[in-house]
Amino acid sequence: MKVVVTGATGSIGTAFVRLARALPWQVVGLARRTPTADTGEHAGVSWVSCELGAPDAEDRLRAVFADAAAVVHLAWAIQPRRGDPPMRRTNIRGTRQVLHAAALAGVPHVVCASSVAAYTPGNRWQRVDENWPLGGIPDSAYSRGKAELEQLLDGFALAHPRVRLARIRPAAVVQHDAGGQILRWTLSPLVPPGLVGRSWLPVPVWPGLRAQIVHADDVAEALRLIVANRVAGQFNLAAEPVLGADQLARLLGGFPVPLPRAVWAALAWPSWRVGVQPAHPGWLALADRACLVTTSRAREVLDWRPRHDAVRALADLVAGMARGAGTATGALAPLDHTGLTERVRGMRLGRPSHQSQR
């Protein structure tokens, strides 16, 4: 069975490919930056370099999708740097081209990664199921993009009713090998990475902060169940328990610094704008307003049982962050352990280092 995976070098993609290549499947991995032949990530996978939002991508995708039993669309630019392809081109135009190419190639099963971020905010402690409205969070580009993705998938389902379409909506996805990536997304070059996991690391929190997370390996298992059994439908994915502000700070190894979210956003905006730190305040809005979800459907329909609870999953990520861990792929490359002087020289102050999340 031929299975094509877009975004195969991302966090979910790496975990799914790691699982899928051990199965009797022909796995084809698509990524903008593919692993080199001398890496372990290359074994057991046919790799194709493709920028999904490029003008010629649809023709290339159609050829790659030929005879595929399933296309698993995981590609998504989450927090690209300024010099990377524009976020919307990769995410929205890229998804359109993937879906159109899959239809033209006659792919019978399409699986797409959405997110709990696609949901319209609900009551803070209310858990929502897959029927909750998909309006996104206005102050988060990531959330709005995932809501627009859902609209594209709705249109695809209406236009191609014979294609079995599945969507996963995971909570925040974590794993050890994403440690270096998360540091690049969140930590100022002025802050020594060695502070992560140490008791004197200040962790920004605010009243009412809560989070659901899920380990990438457990998301990969849900994808395996969907592909192997040709399942259609929508599935929330999250581990238990829900983590509160103090617990998040403790698991991150530091101490909580409780301030209103508006204060943290006011601090984050100018520091992001001038390139001192990479995290746009839109991420704070997402963390504050993302829905909590119930995962009953995944457990009942897929018989999905996450092996990592939320505490273990976050501990795995924190251990990876402390090491700056990664893989041989571009997206999950390990953190470059340069000294403070080199990190400061690499900063381009006066402009953001990463694309806007507004």
Foldseek 3Di string as FASTA:
>chain_A
DEEEEEPLAAQLNVLLLVVVLVDPYAYEYEEQFDFDPPFPSNPSYHYDHAQLLDPCRLVVLLVVLAPHQEYEYEDADDWFFPPDPDRCSRQPSSLVSNLVSCVVNVHQEYEYEAALQQADFDPLPDAAEPPGHRCGFVLFLNSNSSVVVVVVVVVSCVVCVRRFYEYEHEWAEFALLQQLVVCQQWPFLQDALLCWLAAADEDEDEPSQKGWYAYSNLVSVLVVLCSVVVHHDYFYDTADDIDDDQRLQVLRNYGYDYDHLVVVQVVQDVCQFFARTAYHSSVVSSRRGRHHHDGVCSCVVSVRDGPDHRSRRSNRSSNSNNQQHHGSTDSSDRHDNDDSVVSVVPTDTGGGRIDHRD
